Structure formats: structure tokens, C-alpha cells
């Protein structure tokens, strides 16, 4: 039996669009089913185990339920994915990592504030100009304020969330990987960045099935 390898999977390890095209010809349920088959074969033949924190597993199964995932696929997931809560009290994280994370969040908050201020000024000026031309209030709200709110949400979300950890499932994935000495599989830039800072092995979601197939090719 080969030496045991462990991987902790984020929800995006199953739901990534590139993975969907590669394994399921665009169909999410087919892609997830094919991925679970690979995980099962790798567990039995290669001693590779795939883990998820319970909060991440729930996020994954809730997502799949919304897409009307067949019951047999969910049974495969329940069978072959190991659910484990990370030990949040004893897992050691360097204080430098915590410092870097707080600094990163502070920079993002400042960037989000600057974006909000800029767009507020622009929307205000456009509204004043249009009002001076006797444009109706409803038209100003539709053409200026509605668009400004939509653009602000998009830019603000990108500034604060892209490339960082922004949810409990993301953090649990990293903590569990740290605890188990496992690799991390995801298609999330934030998880990738902080996995690398923690010195964890990281595999992109689209690369993981290719690796498993390569391993299995030499075993089978």
C-alpha cells in the first residue's frame, strides 16, 4: 500500500467551471460524480484520503441540492469524503500570519472606503448636473443612482473579498489542512494565497483530477 496522502477540499474543488467542462462537458452533476469516482478509486488503490470540514461539506451539499444533484451522487460524497472539524484551539498558526492577515484586511477596508467616496462624488455631481437640466427625479435615480449602486457593489466586493479569506468554510479548510499536514485543493485565490503563506501544498481544482489520473495510470 502506498504511503498515505491527505487532501482537504474546498467547495470549489467540485464546483469550478473549468473542472465542470473538463469532467462533465459543462454539466455540474456529471462532473461531481466523475470527481467522486476518482476520489473513491484513489482511496482504495492509492491510500489517498479527501477531507472536508463539516461547515464546508454542508456548503458543498447545499450547493449541489440547489442544482438537483441525484441522490446516488450525494451518497458517494457521504461515503468517500471524510468529514472532520479542525482543532481550532491547538492548531499552531505563526503570529506573523495573523499580523499579515490583519494588515491585508485593513488595506482592503481602506481601498473599499476610497472606492465608495469616489463613486459617491461622481454620482452626486452627475445628479446635480441632471437636476439643473430639469431631468426628472425618477430618471436620475434610474440612470445615475441605480447604476452607481450596482457598480459600487461590484468594485467594493472585489476590493474586500478577492484574494483573501472571507468565510468560515475557507478558514476551516486551511486549519484542517494545517492540522493533518494535508494538501489543499481549491479554485479560490484567497485560499491559494493563504495556503502558500502557511507553507501548505496547494493544488488548483482543475489540476487535482489530472494528478489522481496520473497516479492511477501507473497503479492500474
C-alpha atoms as a PDB file:
ATOM      1  CA  UNK A   1       0.000   0.000   0.000  1.00  0.00           C
ATOM      2  CA  UNK A   2       1.437   3.421  -0.941  1.00  0.00           C
ATOM      3  CA  UNK A   3       2.204   5.954   1.785  1.00  0.00           C
ATOM      4  CA  UNK A   4      -0.926   7.794   2.841  1.00  0.00           C
ATOM      5  CA  UNK A   5      -1.643  11.180   1.302  1.00  0.00           C
ATOM      6  CA  UNK A   6      -4.327  13.535   2.593  1.00  0.00           C
ATOM      7  CA  UNK A   7      -6.070  16.425   0.868  1.00  0.00           C
ATOM      8  CA  UNK A   8      -8.583  18.925   2.219  1.00  0.00           C
ATOM      9  CA  UNK A   9     -11.121  20.053  -0.358  1.00  0.00           C
ATOM     10  CA  UNK A  10     -12.869  23.390  -0.645  1.00  0.00           C
ATOM     11  CA  UNK A  11     -16.324  23.527  -2.244  1.00  0.00           C
ATOM     12  CA  UNK A  12     -14.679  24.945  -5.378  1.00  0.00           C
ATOM     13  CA  UNK A  13     -12.737  21.689  -5.730  1.00  0.00           C
ATOM     14  CA  UNK A  14     -16.029  20.341  -7.118  1.00  0.00           C
ATOM     15  CA  UNK A  15     -17.843  23.392  -8.492  1.00  0.00           C
ATOM     16  CA  UNK A  16     -15.118  25.139 -10.507  1.00  0.00           C
ATOM     17  CA  UNK A  17     -16.312  25.953 -14.053  1.00  0.00           C
ATOM     18  CA  UNK A  18     -13.112  24.714 -15.691  1.00  0.00           C
ATOM     19  CA  UNK A  19     -13.451  21.405 -13.849  1.00  0.00           C
ATOM     20  CA  UNK A  20     -17.086  21.179 -14.923  1.00  0.00           C
ATOM     21  CA  UNK A  21     -16.100  21.445 -18.576  1.00  0.00           C
ATOM     22  CA  UNK A  22     -13.213  19.008 -18.199  1.00  0.00           C
ATOM     23  CA  UNK A  23     -15.068  16.196 -16.407  1.00  0.00           C
ATOM     24  CA  UNK A  24     -18.723  16.749 -17.212  1.00  0.00           C
ATOM     25  CA  UNK A  25     -18.855  18.530 -20.574  1.00  0.00           C
ATOM     26  CA  UNK A  26     -20.410  21.507 -18.796  1.00  0.00           C
ATOM     27  CA  UNK A  27     -22.792  19.503 -16.598  1.00  0.00           C
ATOM     28  CA  UNK A  28     -22.168  20.040 -12.876  1.00  0.00           C
ATOM     29  CA  UNK A  29     -23.739  16.802 -11.660  1.00  0.00           C
ATOM     30  CA  UNK A  30     -21.776  14.677 -14.140  1.00  0.00           C
ATOM     31  CA  UNK A  31     -18.579  16.478 -13.210  1.00  0.00           C
ATOM     32  CA  UNK A  32     -19.064  15.980  -9.458  1.00  0.00           C
ATOM     33  CA  UNK A  33     -19.974  12.316  -9.952  1.00  0.00           C
ATOM     34  CA  UNK A  34     -16.815  11.739 -12.029  1.00  0.00           C
ATOM     35  CA  UNK A  35     -14.724  13.534  -9.411  1.00  0.00           C
ATOM     36  CA  UNK A  36     -16.139  11.367  -6.621  1.00  0.00           C
ATOM     37  CA  UNK A  37     -15.392   8.223  -8.643  1.00  0.00           C
ATOM     38  CA  UNK A  38     -11.764   9.336  -8.920  1.00  0.00           C
ATOM     39  CA  UNK A  39     -11.630  10.019  -5.185  1.00  0.00           C
ATOM     40  CA  UNK A  40     -13.080   6.569  -4.409  1.00  0.00           C
ATOM     41  CA  UNK A  41     -10.607   4.729  -6.671  1.00  0.00           C
ATOM     42  CA  UNK A  42      -7.714   6.749  -5.262  1.00  0.00           C
ATOM     43  CA  UNK A  43      -8.780   5.947  -1.704  1.00  0.00           C
ATOM     44  CA  UNK A  44      -8.942   2.200  -2.315  1.00  0.00           C
ATOM     45  CA  UNK A  45      -5.924   1.787  -4.583  1.00  0.00           C
ATOM     46  CA  UNK A  46      -3.581   4.635  -3.588  1.00  0.00           C
ATOM     47  CA  UNK A  47      -4.417   5.265   0.078  1.00  0.00           C
ATOM     48  CA  UNK A  48      -5.335   8.884  -0.727  1.00  0.00           C
ATOM     49  CA  UNK A  49      -7.999  10.360   1.544  1.00  0.00           C
ATOM     50  CA  UNK A  50     -10.018  13.504   0.852  1.00  0.00           C
ATOM     51  CA  UNK A  51     -11.348  15.539   3.773  1.00  0.00           C
ATOM     52  CA  UNK A  52     -13.769  18.403   4.301  1.00  0.00           C
ATOM     53  CA  UNK A  53     -14.624  20.360   7.433  1.00  0.00           C
ATOM     54  CA  UNK A  54     -18.340  19.846   8.252  1.00  0.00           C
ATOM     55  CA  UNK A  55     -19.167  23.510   7.553  1.00  0.00           C
ATOM     56  CA  UNK A  56     -17.533  23.226   4.114  1.00  0.00           C
ATOM     57  CA  UNK A  57     -19.223  19.897   3.418  1.00  0.00           C
ATOM     58  CA  UNK A  58     -22.616  21.447   4.228  1.00  0.00           C
ATOM     59  CA  UNK A  59     -21.845  24.359   1.907  1.00  0.00           C
ATOM     60  CA  UNK A  60     -20.985  21.825  -0.826  1.00  0.00           C
ATOM     61  CA  UNK A  61     -24.074  19.620  -0.359  1.00  0.00           C
ATOM     62  CA  UNK A  62     -26.394  22.647  -0.106  1.00  0.00           C
ATOM     63  CA  UNK A  63     -24.942  23.903  -3.393  1.00  0.00           C
ATOM     64  CA  UNK A  64     -25.440  20.519  -5.038  1.00  0.00           C
ATOM     65  CA  UNK A  65     -29.006  20.222  -3.734  1.00  0.00           C
ATOM     66  CA  UNK A  66     -29.874  23.545  -5.385  1.00  0.00           C
ATOM     67  CA  UNK A  67     -28.692  22.028  -8.675  1.00  0.00           C
ATOM     68  CA  UNK A  68     -30.888  18.938  -8.143  1.00  0.00           C
ATOM     69  CA  UNK A  69     -27.978  16.574  -7.641  1.00  0.00           C
ATOM     70  CA  UNK A  70     -29.018  12.891  -7.909  1.00  0.00           C
ATOM     71  CA  UNK A  71     -29.286  11.120  -4.506  1.00  0.00           C
ATOM     72  CA  UNK A  72     -26.733   8.484  -5.536  1.00  0.00           C
ATOM     73  CA  UNK A  73     -24.103  11.193  -6.075  1.00  0.00           C
ATOM     74  CA  UNK A  74     -24.741  12.628  -2.605  1.00  0.00           C
ATOM     75  CA  UNK A  75     -24.401   9.093  -1.184  1.00  0.00           C
ATOM     76  CA  UNK A  76     -20.993   8.828  -2.880  1.00  0.00           C
ATOM     77  CA  UNK A  77     -19.980  12.131  -1.322  1.00  0.00           C
ATOM     78  CA  UNK A  78     -21.096  10.981   2.120  1.00  0.00           C
ATOM     79  CA  UNK A  79     -19.164   7.733   1.685  1.00  0.00           C
ATOM     80  CA  UNK A  80     -15.852   8.916   0.280  1.00  0.00           C
ATOM     81  CA  UNK A  81     -15.337  12.390   1.730  1.00  0.00           C
ATOM     82  CA  UNK A  82     -14.032  12.324   5.290  1.00  0.00           C
ATOM     83  CA  UNK A  83     -15.726  14.959   7.471  1.00  0.00           C
ATOM     84  CA  UNK A  84     -13.620  16.350  10.306  1.00  0.00           C
ATOM     85  CA  UNK A  85     -13.792  19.541  12.341  1.00  0.00           C
ATOM     86  CA  UNK A  86     -10.368  21.196  12.676  1.00  0.00           C
ATOM     87  CA  UNK A  87      -8.911  21.544  16.150  1.00  0.00           C
ATOM     88  CA  UNK A  88      -9.212  25.324  16.353  1.00  0.00           C
ATOM     89  CA  UNK A  89      -7.686  25.507  19.835  1.00  0.00           C
ATOM     90  CA  UNK A  90      -4.482  23.506  19.407  1.00  0.00           C
ATOM     91  CA  UNK A  91      -3.567  24.073  15.739  1.00  0.00           C
ATOM     92  CA  UNK A  92      -0.471  26.290  15.694  1.00  0.00           C
ATOM     93  CA  UNK A  93      -0.514  29.317  13.357  1.00  0.00           C
ATOM     94  CA  UNK A  94       2.537  31.648  13.302  1.00  0.00           C
ATOM     95  CA  UNK A  95       1.760  35.089  14.722  1.00  0.00           C
ATOM     96  CA  UNK A  96       3.302  36.637  11.590  1.00  0.00           C
ATOM     97  CA  UNK A  97       0.489  35.097   9.523  1.00  0.00           C
ATOM     98  CA  UNK A  98      -2.110  36.656  11.808  1.00  0.00           C
ATOM     99  CA  UNK A  99      -0.320  40.013  11.552  1.00  0.00           C
ATOM    100  CA  UNK A 100      -0.257  39.799   7.739  1.00  0.00           C
ATOM    101  CA  UNK A 101      -3.947  38.898   7.620  1.00  0.00           C
ATOM    102  CA  UNK A 102      -4.989  41.861   9.800  1.00  0.00           C
ATOM    103  CA  UNK A 103      -2.806  44.175   7.695  1.00  0.00           C
ATOM    104  CA  UNK A 104      -4.332  42.812   4.484  1.00  0.00           C
ATOM    105  CA  UNK A 105      -7.892  43.313   5.753  1.00  0.00           C
ATOM    106  CA  UNK A 106      -7.092  46.862   6.904  1.00  0.00           C
ATOM    107  CA  UNK A 107      -5.692  47.736   3.455  1.00  0.00           C
ATOM    108  CA  UNK A 108      -8.781  46.299   1.802  1.00  0.00           C
ATOM    109  CA  UNK A 109     -11.094  48.295   4.075  1.00  0.00           C
ATOM    110  CA  UNK A 110      -9.247  51.494   3.195  1.00  0.00           C
ATOM    111  CA  UNK A 111      -9.451  50.657  -0.511  1.00  0.00           C
ATOM    112  CA  UNK A 112     -13.173  49.968  -0.189  1.00  0.00           C
ATOM    113  CA  UNK A 113     -13.641  53.332   1.552  1.00  0.00           C
ATOM    114  CA  UNK A 114     -11.787  55.168  -1.238  1.00  0.00           C
ATOM    115  CA  UNK A 115     -13.917  53.438  -3.878  1.00  0.00           C
ATOM    116  CA  UNK A 116     -17.103  54.412  -2.016  1.00  0.00           C
ATOM    117  CA  UNK A 117     -16.018  58.044  -1.668  1.00  0.00           C
ATOM    118  CA  UNK A 118     -15.064  58.329  -5.358  1.00  0.00           C
ATOM    119  CA  UNK A 119     -18.307  56.849  -6.619  1.00  0.00           C
ATOM    120  CA  UNK A 120     -20.358  58.980  -4.204  1.00  0.00           C
ATOM    121  CA  UNK A 121     -18.752  62.142  -5.569  1.00  0.00           C
ATOM    122  CA  UNK A 122     -19.269  61.052  -9.186  1.00  0.00           C
ATOM    123  CA  UNK A 123     -22.923  60.125  -8.626  1.00  0.00           C
ATOM    124  CA  UNK A 124     -23.543  63.357  -6.715  1.00  0.00           C
ATOM    125  CA  UNK A 125     -22.042  65.552  -9.445  1.00  0.00           C
ATOM    126  CA  UNK A 126     -23.975  63.760 -12.198  1.00  0.00           C
ATOM    127  CA  UNK A 127     -27.204  64.082 -10.213  1.00  0.00           C
ATOM    128  CA  UNK A 128     -26.683  67.826  -9.663  1.00  0.00           C
ATOM    129  CA  UNK A 129     -25.978  68.390 -13.369  1.00  0.00           C
ATOM    130  CA  UNK A 130     -29.038  66.425 -14.446  1.00  0.00           C
ATOM    131  CA  UNK A 131     -31.241  68.172 -11.864  1.00  0.00           C
ATOM    132  CA  UNK A 132     -30.078  71.559 -13.170  1.00  0.00           C
ATOM    133  CA  UNK A 133     -31.316  70.478 -16.597  1.00  0.00           C
ATOM    134  CA  UNK A 134     -34.759  69.682 -15.149  1.00  0.00           C
ATOM    135  CA  UNK A 135     -34.328  65.932 -15.541  1.00  0.00           C
ATOM    136  CA  UNK A 136     -36.995  64.126 -13.526  1.00  0.00           C
ATOM    137  CA  UNK A 137     -36.046  62.649 -10.152  1.00  0.00           C
ATOM    138  CA  UNK A 138     -37.111  59.130 -11.193  1.00  0.00           C
ATOM    139  CA  UNK A 139     -34.865  59.314 -14.262  1.00  0.00           C
ATOM    140  CA  UNK A 140     -31.897  60.489 -12.172  1.00  0.00           C
ATOM    141  CA  UNK A 141     -32.459  57.614  -9.756  1.00  0.00           C
ATOM    142  CA  UNK A 142     -32.593  55.125 -12.625  1.00  0.00           C
ATOM    143  CA  UNK A 143     -29.742  56.414 -14.768  1.00  0.00           C
ATOM    144  CA  UNK A 144     -27.298  57.618 -12.097  1.00  0.00           C
ATOM    145  CA  UNK A 145     -28.020  56.270  -8.641  1.00  0.00           C
ATOM    146  CA  UNK A 146     -29.102  52.776  -9.719  1.00  0.00           C
ATOM    147  CA  UNK A 147     -26.004  52.324 -11.868  1.00  0.00           C
ATOM    148  CA  UNK A 148     -23.748  53.791  -9.155  1.00  0.00           C
ATOM    149  CA  UNK A 149     -25.061  51.342  -6.553  1.00  0.00           C
ATOM    150  CA  UNK A 150     -24.573  48.384  -8.918  1.00  0.00           C
ATOM    151  CA  UNK A 151     -21.019  49.440  -9.814  1.00  0.00           C
ATOM    152  CA  UNK A 152     -20.164  50.173  -6.179  1.00  0.00           C
ATOM    153  CA  UNK A 153     -21.254  46.723  -5.049  1.00  0.00           C
ATOM    154  CA  UNK A 154     -19.138  45.074  -7.749  1.00  0.00           C
ATOM    155  CA  UNK A 155     -15.990  47.124  -7.063  1.00  0.00           C
ATOM    156  CA  UNK A 156     -16.397  47.010  -3.281  1.00  0.00           C
ATOM    157  CA  UNK A 157     -16.857  43.231  -3.290  1.00  0.00           C
ATOM    158  CA  UNK A 158     -13.756  42.808  -5.451  1.00  0.00           C
ATOM    159  CA  UNK A 159     -11.688  45.097  -3.218  1.00  0.00           C
ATOM    160  CA  UNK A 160     -12.640  43.380   0.023  1.00  0.00           C
ATOM    161  CA  UNK A 161     -13.058  39.735  -0.958  1.00  0.00           C
ATOM    162  CA  UNK A 162     -10.917  38.825  -3.974  1.00  0.00           C
ATOM    163  CA  UNK A 163      -7.670  37.098  -2.971  1.00  0.00           C
ATOM    164  CA  UNK A 164      -8.336  36.801   0.742  1.00  0.00           C
ATOM    165  CA  UNK A 165     -10.213  34.635   3.245  1.00  0.00           C
ATOM    166  CA  UNK A 166     -13.781  35.842   3.548  1.00  0.00           C
ATOM    167  CA  UNK A 167     -15.719  32.969   5.114  1.00  0.00           C
ATOM    168  CA  UNK A 168     -15.629  30.409   7.924  1.00  0.00           C
ATOM    169  CA  UNK A 169     -15.500  27.456   5.464  1.00  0.00           C
ATOM    170  CA  UNK A 170     -12.365  28.932   3.839  1.00  0.00           C
ATOM    171  CA  UNK A 171     -10.630  29.269   7.191  1.00  0.00           C
ATOM    172  CA  UNK A 172     -11.655  25.786   8.322  1.00  0.00           C
ATOM    173  CA  UNK A 173     -10.171  24.279   5.134  1.00  0.00           C
ATOM    174  CA  UNK A 174      -6.774  25.811   5.945  1.00  0.00           C
ATOM    175  CA  UNK A 175      -6.897  24.933   9.642  1.00  0.00           C
ATOM    176  CA  UNK A 176      -7.760  21.305   8.905  1.00  0.00           C
ATOM    177  CA  UNK A 177      -5.021  21.054   6.269  1.00  0.00           C
ATOM    178  CA  UNK A 178      -2.532  22.509   8.749  1.00  0.00           C
ATOM    179  CA  UNK A 179      -3.637  20.061  11.436  1.00  0.00           C
ATOM    180  CA  UNK A 180      -3.444  16.997   9.140  1.00  0.00           C
ATOM    181  CA  UNK A 181      -0.347  18.052   7.207  1.00  0.00           C
ATOM    182  CA  UNK A 182      -2.527  17.777   4.115  1.00  0.00           C
ATOM    183  CA  UNK A 183      -2.610  19.426   0.727  1.00  0.00           C
ATOM    184  CA  UNK A 184      -5.323  21.954  -0.124  1.00  0.00           C
ATOM    185  CA  UNK A 185      -7.497  21.684  -3.239  1.00  0.00           C
ATOM    186  CA  UNK A 186      -9.481  24.731  -4.360  1.00  0.00           C
ATOM    187  CA  UNK A 187     -10.189  27.164  -7.172  1.00  0.00           C
ATOM    188  CA  UNK A 188     -10.210  30.141  -4.827  1.00  0.00           C
ATOM    189  CA  UNK A 189      -7.464  32.770  -4.958  1.00  0.00           C
ATOM    190  CA  UNK A 190      -7.856  33.659  -1.286  1.00  0.00           C
ATOM    191  CA  UNK A 191      -7.373  30.077  -0.165  1.00  0.00           C
ATOM    192  CA  UNK A 192      -4.398  29.701  -2.522  1.00  0.00           C
ATOM    193  CA  UNK A 193      -2.666  32.837  -1.231  1.00  0.00           C
ATOM    194  CA  UNK A 194      -3.040  31.944   2.442  1.00  0.00           C
ATOM    195  CA  UNK A 195      -2.290  28.241   1.907  1.00  0.00           C
ATOM    196  CA  UNK A 196       1.034  29.243   0.367  1.00  0.00           C
ATOM    197  CA  UNK A 197       1.741  31.664   3.221  1.00  0.00           C
ATOM    198  CA  UNK A 198       1.115  28.841   5.673  1.00  0.00           C
ATOM    199  CA  UNK A 199       3.522  26.596   3.769  1.00  0.00           C
ATOM    200  CA  UNK A 200       0.783  24.182   2.702  1.00  0.00           C
ATOM    201  CA  UNK A 201       0.763  22.224  -0.518  1.00  0.00           C
ATOM    202  CA  UNK A 202      -1.819  23.723  -2.864  1.00  0.00           C
ATOM    203  CA  UNK A 203      -3.435  22.182  -5.940  1.00  0.00           C
ATOM    204  CA  UNK A 204      -5.792  24.011  -8.240  1.00  0.00           C
ATOM    205  CA  UNK A 205      -9.171  22.308  -8.595  1.00  0.00           C
ATOM    206  CA  UNK A 206      -8.596  21.597 -12.294  1.00  0.00           C
ATOM    207  CA  UNK A 207      -5.159  20.053 -11.605  1.00  0.00           C
ATOM    208  CA  UNK A 208      -6.291  17.660  -8.863  1.00  0.00           C
ATOM    209  CA  UNK A 209      -8.165  15.122 -11.052  1.00  0.00           C
ATOM    210  CA  UNK A 210      -5.287  15.155 -13.535  1.00  0.00           C
ATOM    211  CA  UNK A 211      -2.905  14.246 -10.721  1.00  0.00           C
ATOM    212  CA  UNK A 212      -5.159  11.439  -9.483  1.00  0.00           C
ATOM    213  CA  UNK A 213      -5.488  10.034 -13.014  1.00  0.00           C
ATOM    214  CA  UNK A 214      -1.714  10.120 -13.444  1.00  0.00           C
ATOM    215  CA  UNK A 215      -1.215   8.232 -10.168  1.00  0.00           C
ATOM    216  CA  UNK A 216      -3.870   5.664 -11.091  1.00  0.00           C
ATOM    217  CA  UNK A 217      -2.430   5.148 -14.576  1.00  0.00           C
ATOM    218  CA  UNK A 218       0.753   3.696 -13.084  1.00  0.00           C
ATOM    219  CA  UNK A 219      -1.091   1.659 -10.448  1.00  0.00           C
ATOM    220  CA  UNK A 220      -3.671   0.134 -12.773  1.00  0.00           C
END
